[in-house]
Amino acid sequence: MTYIAGSVLVLIFGLWFLTKIGVLHPWNEYSGDQVKNILESFLNGNPNEWAYDDFVSIRIKDRELDKIRNEFRVLAAEHPRWDTTRPFPDTGIPALKKLISQLEKAT
C-alpha cells in the first residue's frame, strides 16, 4: 500500500513539475487580430467573464504576441482594484493604447 501511495505522489509531483516548467502548459494560438480584439475589449469595457483570466494565464505560441500578453499582465497588476468585467482604469488607458499600437505595428 505504501508503494502505491508513494508512486501516486511521485506521479502527481511529476505532472505538477512538468506543468510549472512549461512542458505540459497549454498554448493559445491567438492571431494578432484576436489579441487586438481582446485588448480593445478591456479598453471598451466589454470583455466576457473569463477573458482576463484566459488571456493572462495561458501563454501565446507566437513570441511577439506573448510578449504583449505579458506586458498587459504587468500593466493590469499595476491596477489591482480593476474589476476585469469593467473598462480599464483611466490611469492605465494610455499604456493600454500603446500596447494596442505596438501590436498593430508588429502584425
N, C-alpha and C. Protein backbone atom coordinates (compact mmCIF):
# COMPACT_ATOMS: atom_id res chain seq x y z
N MET A 1 0.83 -1.20 0.00
CA MET A 1 0.00 0.00 0.00
C MET A 1 0.87 1.26 0.00
N THR A 2 1.93 1.27 0.78
CA THR A 2 2.82 2.43 0.84
C THR A 2 3.49 2.66 -0.51
N TYR A 3 3.82 1.58 -1.20
CA TYR A 3 4.45 1.67 -2.52
C TYR A 3 3.52 2.37 -3.51
N ILE A 4 2.23 2.02 -3.48
CA ILE A 4 1.26 2.62 -4.38
C ILE A 4 1.06 4.10 -4.05
N ALA A 5 0.94 4.41 -2.77
CA ALA A 5 0.76 5.81 -2.37
C ALA A 5 1.98 6.64 -2.77
N GLY A 6 3.16 6.11 -2.58
CA GLY A 6 4.39 6.81 -2.97
C GLY A 6 4.45 7.02 -4.47
N SER A 7 4.04 6.02 -5.24
CA SER A 7 4.04 6.13 -6.70
C SER A 7 3.06 7.20 -7.17
N VAL A 8 1.89 7.23 -6.54
CA VAL A 8 0.89 8.24 -6.89
C VAL A 8 1.42 9.63 -6.57
N LEU A 9 2.06 9.80 -5.44
CA LEU A 9 2.63 11.11 -5.08
C LEU A 9 3.71 11.54 -6.06
N VAL A 10 4.56 10.60 -6.46
CA VAL A 10 5.61 10.92 -7.43
C VAL A 10 4.99 11.32 -8.77
N LEU A 11 3.95 10.61 -9.19
CA LEU A 11 3.26 10.93 -10.44
C LEU A 11 2.63 12.32 -10.37
N ILE A 12 1.96 12.62 -9.29
CA ILE A 12 1.32 13.93 -9.13
C ILE A 12 2.37 15.04 -9.12
N PHE A 13 3.45 14.83 -8.36
CA PHE A 13 4.52 15.83 -8.32
C PHE A 13 5.14 16.00 -9.70
N GLY A 14 5.35 14.91 -10.42
CA GLY A 14 5.94 14.98 -11.75
C GLY A 14 5.08 15.77 -12.72
N LEU A 15 3.78 15.54 -12.69
CA LEU A 15 2.87 16.28 -13.56
C LEU A 15 2.84 17.76 -13.19
N TRP A 16 2.83 18.04 -11.89
CA TRP A 16 2.86 19.44 -11.43
C TRP A 16 4.14 20.12 -11.92
N PHE A 17 5.28 19.43 -11.76
CA PHE A 17 6.56 20.00 -12.16
C PHE A 17 6.61 20.25 -13.66
N LEU A 18 6.15 19.30 -14.46
CA LEU A 18 6.15 19.47 -15.91
C LEU A 18 5.25 20.63 -16.34
N THR A 19 4.16 20.81 -15.63
CA THR A 19 3.28 21.94 -15.92
C THR A 19 3.98 23.25 -15.58
N LYS A 20 4.66 23.30 -14.43
CA LYS A 20 5.35 24.52 -14.00
C LYS A 20 6.46 24.94 -14.95
N ILE A 21 7.19 23.98 -15.52
CA ILE A 21 8.30 24.34 -16.40
C ILE A 21 7.85 24.53 -17.85
N GLY A 22 6.56 24.30 -18.11
CA GLY A 22 6.03 24.60 -19.42
C GLY A 22 5.89 23.44 -20.37
N VAL A 23 6.32 22.26 -19.97
CA VAL A 23 6.23 21.12 -20.87
C VAL A 23 4.77 20.75 -21.13
N LEU A 24 3.95 20.77 -20.11
CA LEU A 24 2.54 20.43 -20.26
C LEU A 24 1.64 21.65 -20.26
N HIS A 25 2.24 22.80 -20.34
CA HIS A 25 1.46 24.04 -20.30
C HIS A 25 0.77 24.25 -21.64
N PRO A 26 -0.52 24.55 -21.62
CA PRO A 26 -1.22 24.78 -22.89
C PRO A 26 -0.79 26.09 -23.53
N TRP A 27 -0.94 26.17 -24.82
CA TRP A 27 -0.63 27.37 -25.58
C TRP A 27 -1.90 27.85 -26.26
N ASN A 28 -2.10 29.13 -26.29
CA ASN A 28 -3.13 29.71 -27.13
C ASN A 28 -2.50 30.00 -28.48
N GLU A 29 -3.24 29.79 -29.51
CA GLU A 29 -2.74 30.10 -30.85
C GLU A 29 -3.48 31.30 -31.40
N TYR A 30 -3.56 32.35 -30.58
CA TYR A 30 -4.24 33.57 -31.00
C TYR A 30 -3.52 34.22 -32.17
N SER A 31 -4.30 34.85 -33.03
CA SER A 31 -3.73 35.67 -34.10
C SER A 31 -3.57 37.09 -33.55
N GLY A 32 -2.87 37.92 -34.30
CA GLY A 32 -2.72 39.31 -33.90
C GLY A 32 -4.07 40.01 -33.78
N ASP A 33 -4.98 39.71 -34.71
CA ASP A 33 -6.32 40.32 -34.65
C ASP A 33 -7.07 39.89 -33.40
N GLN A 34 -6.94 38.63 -33.01
CA GLN A 34 -7.62 38.16 -31.81
C GLN A 34 -7.08 38.85 -30.56
N VAL A 35 -5.76 39.00 -30.49
CA VAL A 35 -5.16 39.67 -29.34
C VAL A 35 -5.62 41.13 -29.31
N LYS A 36 -5.64 41.76 -30.47
CA LYS A 36 -6.09 43.15 -30.54
C LYS A 36 -7.54 43.27 -30.07
N ASN A 37 -8.40 42.35 -30.50
CA ASN A 37 -9.80 42.38 -30.08
C ASN A 37 -9.94 42.20 -28.57
N ILE A 38 -9.11 41.34 -28.00
CA ILE A 38 -9.15 41.13 -26.55
C ILE A 38 -8.74 42.40 -25.82
N LEU A 39 -7.63 42.99 -26.25
CA LEU A 39 -7.16 44.22 -25.60
C LEU A 39 -8.18 45.35 -25.75
N GLU A 40 -8.77 45.46 -26.93
CA GLU A 40 -9.78 46.50 -27.14
C GLU A 40 -11.03 46.25 -26.30
N SER A 41 -11.34 44.99 -26.04
CA SER A 41 -12.50 44.71 -25.18
C SER A 41 -12.24 45.20 -23.75
N PHE A 42 -11.00 45.14 -23.29
CA PHE A 42 -10.67 45.69 -21.97
C PHE A 42 -10.74 47.21 -22.00
N LEU A 43 -10.30 47.78 -23.10
CA LEU A 43 -10.34 49.23 -23.26
C LEU A 43 -11.78 49.74 -23.28
N ASN A 44 -12.64 49.03 -23.98
CA ASN A 44 -14.04 49.44 -24.14
C ASN A 44 -14.93 48.96 -22.99
N GLY A 45 -14.42 48.05 -22.19
CA GLY A 45 -15.18 47.58 -21.04
C GLY A 45 -16.23 46.54 -21.35
N ASN A 46 -16.01 45.75 -22.41
CA ASN A 46 -16.98 44.71 -22.71
C ASN A 46 -16.36 43.33 -22.89
N PRO A 47 -15.38 42.95 -22.04
CA PRO A 47 -14.84 41.59 -22.15
C PRO A 47 -15.85 40.58 -21.59
N ASN A 48 -15.72 39.34 -22.06
CA ASN A 48 -16.58 38.32 -21.47
C ASN A 48 -16.05 37.98 -20.08
N GLU A 49 -16.79 37.19 -19.35
CA GLU A 49 -16.47 36.91 -17.94
C GLU A 49 -15.09 36.31 -17.74
N TRP A 50 -14.63 35.49 -18.66
CA TRP A 50 -13.36 34.78 -18.49
C TRP A 50 -12.22 35.35 -19.32
N ALA A 51 -12.45 36.43 -20.05
CA ALA A 51 -11.45 36.95 -20.98
C ALA A 51 -10.13 37.28 -20.29
N TYR A 52 -10.20 37.99 -19.17
CA TYR A 52 -8.97 38.39 -18.50
C TYR A 52 -8.17 37.18 -18.03
N ASP A 53 -8.81 36.28 -17.33
CA ASP A 53 -8.12 35.12 -16.79
C ASP A 53 -7.51 34.26 -17.90
N ASP A 54 -8.28 34.01 -18.94
CA ASP A 54 -7.77 33.20 -20.05
C ASP A 54 -6.60 33.90 -20.73
N PHE A 55 -6.71 35.20 -20.91
CA PHE A 55 -5.67 35.93 -21.64
C PHE A 55 -4.36 36.00 -20.87
N VAL A 56 -4.41 36.29 -19.59
CA VAL A 56 -3.16 36.47 -18.85
C VAL A 56 -2.56 35.17 -18.35
N SER A 57 -3.35 34.10 -18.25
CA SER A 57 -2.82 32.88 -17.63
C SER A 57 -2.34 31.83 -18.63
N ILE A 58 -2.68 31.97 -19.90
CA ILE A 58 -2.26 30.97 -20.88
C ILE A 58 -1.37 31.64 -21.92
N ARG A 59 -0.15 31.11 -22.04
CA ARG A 59 0.81 31.70 -22.97
C ARG A 59 0.32 31.60 -24.41
N ILE A 60 0.84 32.48 -25.24
CA ILE A 60 0.52 32.50 -26.67
C ILE A 60 1.73 31.94 -27.41
N LYS A 61 1.47 31.08 -28.36
CA LYS A 61 2.56 30.41 -29.07
C LYS A 61 3.49 31.39 -29.80
N ASP A 62 2.91 32.41 -30.42
CA ASP A 62 3.71 33.43 -31.11
C ASP A 62 4.42 34.29 -30.06
N ARG A 63 5.73 34.36 -30.15
CA ARG A 63 6.52 35.05 -29.11
C ARG A 63 6.22 36.54 -29.01
N GLU A 64 6.03 37.20 -30.13
CA GLU A 64 5.74 38.64 -30.10
C GLU A 64 4.39 38.90 -29.44
N LEU A 65 3.40 38.09 -29.78
CA LEU A 65 2.09 38.26 -29.17
C LEU A 65 2.13 37.92 -27.69
N ASP A 66 2.93 36.92 -27.33
CA ASP A 66 3.05 36.56 -25.92
C ASP A 66 3.75 37.66 -25.13
N LYS A 67 4.69 38.34 -25.78
CA LYS A 67 5.36 39.47 -25.12
C LYS A 67 4.34 40.57 -24.80
N ILE A 68 3.44 40.83 -25.73
CA ILE A 68 2.39 41.83 -25.50
C ILE A 68 1.45 41.36 -24.40
N ARG A 69 1.13 40.06 -24.40
CA ARG A 69 0.28 39.50 -23.33
C ARG A 69 0.93 39.72 -21.97
N ASN A 70 2.24 39.46 -21.89
CA ASN A 70 2.96 39.66 -20.63
C ASN A 70 2.98 41.13 -20.22
N GLU A 71 3.17 42.02 -21.18
CA GLU A 71 3.17 43.45 -20.86
C GLU A 71 1.80 43.88 -20.34
N PHE A 72 0.74 43.31 -20.91
CA PHE A 72 -0.60 43.63 -20.41
C PHE A 72 -0.78 43.08 -19.00
N ARG A 73 -0.28 41.88 -18.75
CA ARG A 73 -0.38 41.27 -17.42
C ARG A 73 0.29 42.17 -16.37
N VAL A 74 1.45 42.71 -16.70
CA VAL A 74 2.16 43.63 -15.79
C VAL A 74 1.35 44.91 -15.61
N LEU A 75 0.83 45.44 -16.71
CA LEU A 75 0.01 46.66 -16.65
C LEU A 75 -1.22 46.43 -15.77
N ALA A 76 -1.89 45.31 -15.93
CA ALA A 76 -3.08 45.02 -15.13
C ALA A 76 -2.72 44.88 -13.65
N ALA A 77 -1.54 44.33 -13.36
CA ALA A 77 -1.10 44.18 -11.96
C ALA A 77 -0.88 45.54 -11.29
N GLU A 78 -0.61 46.56 -12.09
CA GLU A 78 -0.44 47.91 -11.55
C GLU A 78 -1.78 48.53 -11.14
N HIS A 79 -2.88 47.87 -11.47
CA HIS A 79 -4.24 48.35 -11.16
C HIS A 79 -5.00 47.23 -10.45
N PRO A 80 -4.58 46.89 -9.22
CA PRO A 80 -5.16 45.73 -8.54
C PRO A 80 -6.64 45.84 -8.22
N ARG A 81 -7.18 47.04 -8.19
CA ARG A 81 -8.61 47.19 -7.87
C ARG A 81 -9.51 47.16 -9.11
N TRP A 82 -8.90 46.96 -10.27
CA TRP A 82 -9.66 46.92 -11.51
C TRP A 82 -10.59 45.71 -11.54
N ASP A 83 -11.86 45.95 -11.77
CA ASP A 83 -12.83 44.88 -11.97
C ASP A 83 -12.74 44.50 -13.45
N THR A 84 -12.28 43.29 -13.73
CA THR A 84 -11.95 42.89 -15.10
C THR A 84 -13.17 42.78 -16.02
N THR A 85 -14.37 42.97 -15.49
CA THR A 85 -15.55 42.98 -16.35
C THR A 85 -15.98 44.41 -16.68
N ARG A 86 -15.19 45.38 -16.24
CA ARG A 86 -15.49 46.80 -16.48
C ARG A 86 -14.36 47.41 -17.32
N PRO A 87 -14.56 48.64 -17.82
CA PRO A 87 -13.48 49.27 -18.59
C PRO A 87 -12.19 49.39 -17.78
N PHE A 88 -11.08 49.37 -18.49
CA PHE A 88 -9.78 49.52 -17.83
C PHE A 88 -9.72 50.89 -17.16
N PRO A 89 -9.05 51.01 -16.02
CA PRO A 89 -8.98 52.31 -15.31
C PRO A 89 -8.38 53.41 -16.18
N ASP A 90 -8.91 54.61 -16.01
CA ASP A 90 -8.45 55.75 -16.80
C ASP A 90 -6.94 55.95 -16.73
N THR A 91 -6.36 55.69 -15.56
CA THR A 91 -4.92 55.91 -15.41
C THR A 91 -4.09 54.95 -16.25
N GLY A 92 -4.67 53.83 -16.65
CA GLY A 92 -3.93 52.85 -17.45
C GLY A 92 -4.25 52.87 -18.93
N ILE A 93 -5.22 53.69 -19.33
CA ILE A 93 -5.65 53.70 -20.73
C ILE A 93 -4.53 54.11 -21.69
N PRO A 94 -3.72 55.15 -21.39
CA PRO A 94 -2.63 55.47 -22.33
C PRO A 94 -1.68 54.29 -22.56
N ALA A 95 -1.34 53.58 -21.50
CA ALA A 95 -0.44 52.44 -21.65
C ALA A 95 -1.11 51.30 -22.42
N LEU A 96 -2.39 51.09 -22.20
CA LEU A 96 -3.12 50.05 -22.93
C LEU A 96 -3.21 50.41 -24.41
N LYS A 97 -3.46 51.67 -24.72
CA LYS A 97 -3.49 52.11 -26.12
C LYS A 97 -2.12 51.94 -26.77
N LYS A 98 -1.07 52.18 -26.00
CA LYS A 98 0.28 52.00 -26.51
C LYS A 98 0.54 50.52 -26.86
N LEU A 99 0.05 49.62 -26.02
CA LEU A 99 0.18 48.18 -26.30
C LEU A 99 -0.55 47.82 -27.59
N ILE A 100 -1.75 48.35 -27.75
CA ILE A 100 -2.51 48.08 -28.97
C ILE A 100 -1.78 48.62 -30.19
N SER A 101 -1.19 49.79 -30.05
CA SER A 101 -0.40 50.37 -31.15
C SER A 101 0.81 49.50 -31.48
N GLN A 102 1.50 49.01 -30.45
CA GLN A 102 2.63 48.11 -30.66
C GLN A 102 2.18 46.87 -31.41
N LEU A 103 1.05 46.36 -31.03
CA LEU A 103 0.50 45.16 -31.66
C LEU A 103 0.20 45.42 -33.13
N GLU A 104 -0.38 46.56 -33.44
CA GLU A 104 -0.69 46.89 -34.83
C GLU A 104 0.56 47.00 -35.67
N LYS A 105 1.63 47.52 -35.09
CA LYS A 105 2.90 47.64 -35.83
C LYS A 105 3.55 46.28 -36.04
N ALA A 106 3.37 45.38 -35.05
CA ALA A 106 4.02 44.07 -35.12
C ALA A 106 3.32 43.10 -36.07
N THR A 107 2.03 43.35 -36.30
CA THR A 107 1.28 42.39 -37.14
C THR A 107 0.94 42.94 -38.50
